[in-house]
Amino acid sequence: MKCPVCDRNYNHTRALVLEEEVNKTAFHVTCENCKISTIVLVSSNNFGLVSLGILTDLDKNEAKRLYKNDAITSNQVIELHQFLKEFDGKVKEFI
């Protein structure tokens, strides 16, 4: 497997498995050359093997911690929108 950014081979021994089931695996890998991280999803079915790589700014510890978290709900998005719409402070106060 190669890095989608610099086309160098990944060091497979440094991949972190995030999820592993019978027909699918998800893992995080960082290119040793360009330092870009990717979350890779691999699944198999009757037609063969399918893989998808998603570039990420998460390091392996963040990916491990966040991978199985609940998805953000539409209500949470609306609540954040309302908060930001009414927020009249500085960004420093928000953080």
Protein backbone atom coordinates (compact mmCIF):
# COMPACT_ATOMS: atom_id res chain seq x y z
CA MET A 1 0.00 0.00 0.00
CA LYS A 2 1.27 3.47 -0.90
CA CYS A 3 0.78 6.96 0.46
CA PRO A 4 -1.79 8.81 -1.69
CA VAL A 5 0.20 12.06 -1.34
CA CYS A 6 3.85 11.14 -2.02
CA ASP A 7 3.39 7.62 -3.47
CA ARG A 8 5.90 6.03 -1.08
CA ASN A 9 5.24 2.62 0.45
CA TYR A 10 3.79 2.61 3.96
CA ASN A 11 5.56 0.86 6.78
CA HIS A 12 2.82 -1.67 7.58
CA THR A 13 4.26 -2.44 10.99
CA ARG A 14 3.33 1.09 12.13
CA ALA A 15 -0.35 0.81 11.20
CA LEU A 16 -2.81 1.03 14.09
CA VAL A 17 -5.89 -1.19 13.81
CA LEU A 18 -8.96 0.83 14.79
CA GLU A 19 -11.58 -1.83 14.14
CA GLU A 20 -11.42 -5.42 12.97
CA GLU A 21 -14.38 -7.61 12.11
CA VAL A 22 -14.87 -10.66 9.92
CA ASN A 23 -15.17 -8.84 6.58
CA LYS A 24 -13.87 -5.36 7.37
CA THR A 25 -10.92 -3.63 8.95
CA ALA A 26 -10.16 0.01 9.65
CA PHE A 27 -6.71 1.28 10.48
CA HIS A 28 -4.70 4.48 10.82
CA VAL A 29 -1.33 4.87 9.18
CA THR A 30 1.11 7.78 8.87
CA CYS A 31 3.55 8.08 5.99
CA GLU A 32 7.12 8.13 7.26
CA ASN A 33 8.16 10.28 4.29
CA CYS A 34 5.60 13.13 4.12
CA LYS A 35 4.01 12.62 7.58
CA ILE A 36 0.45 12.64 6.16
CA SER A 37 -1.97 10.37 8.04
CA THR A 38 -4.70 8.26 6.47
CA ILE A 39 -7.57 6.23 7.84
CA VAL A 40 -7.95 3.18 5.62
CA LEU A 41 -11.11 1.09 5.42
CA VAL A 42 -10.79 -2.37 3.84
CA SER A 43 -13.69 -4.75 3.30
CA SER A 44 -14.22 -7.95 1.42
CA ASN A 45 -17.32 -9.44 -0.15
CA ASN A 46 -18.21 -11.94 -2.88
CA PHE A 47 -16.80 -9.60 -5.54
CA GLY A 48 -13.39 -9.09 -3.95
CA LEU A 49 -11.55 -6.61 -1.80
CA VAL A 50 -12.45 -2.92 -1.55
CA SER A 51 -10.38 -0.22 0.14
CA LEU A 52 -10.89 3.46 0.82
CA GLY A 53 -8.32 5.86 2.21
CA ILE A 54 -9.32 9.10 3.93
CA LEU A 55 -6.66 11.72 4.63
CA THR A 56 -6.81 12.99 8.20
CA ASP A 57 -5.07 15.37 10.53
CA LEU A 58 -5.68 13.00 13.46
CA ASP A 59 -2.64 11.33 14.96
CA LYS A 60 -2.95 7.66 15.86
CA ASN A 61 -3.91 8.33 19.50
CA GLU A 62 -6.66 10.77 18.49
CA ALA A 63 -7.94 8.37 15.85
CA LYS A 64 -8.05 5.52 18.38
CA ARG A 65 -9.94 7.68 20.89
CA LEU A 66 -12.43 9.17 18.41
CA TYR A 67 -13.03 6.35 15.92
CA LYS A 68 -15.92 4.64 17.68
CA ASN A 69 -17.52 7.76 19.20
CA ASP A 70 -21.14 8.51 18.49
CA ALA A 71 -21.84 10.59 15.39
CA ILE A 72 -22.81 14.23 15.82
CA THR A 73 -26.58 14.56 15.71
CA SER A 74 -28.53 17.12 13.71
CA ASN A 75 -29.79 18.59 17.00
CA GLN A 76 -26.20 19.17 18.14
CA VAL A 77 -25.45 20.99 14.87
CA ILE A 78 -28.54 23.19 15.33
CA GLU A 79 -27.59 23.93 18.95
CA LEU A 80 -24.08 24.96 17.91
CA HIS A 81 -25.47 27.13 15.11
CA GLN A 82 -27.79 28.92 17.55
CA PHE A 83 -24.97 29.39 20.06
CA LEU A 84 -22.63 30.88 17.45
CA LYS A 85 -25.39 33.08 16.05
CA GLU A 86 -25.99 34.60 19.48
CA PHE A 87 -22.36 34.58 20.69
CA ASP A 88 -21.04 38.11 21.08
CA GLY A 89 -17.60 37.48 22.52
CA LYS A 90 -14.07 36.89 21.36
CA VAL A 91 -12.84 33.60 19.98
CA LYS A 92 -10.53 33.28 22.98
CA GLU A 93 -13.59 33.23 25.27
CA PHE A 94 -15.28 30.61 23.09
CA ILE A 95 -12.38 28.19 23.33
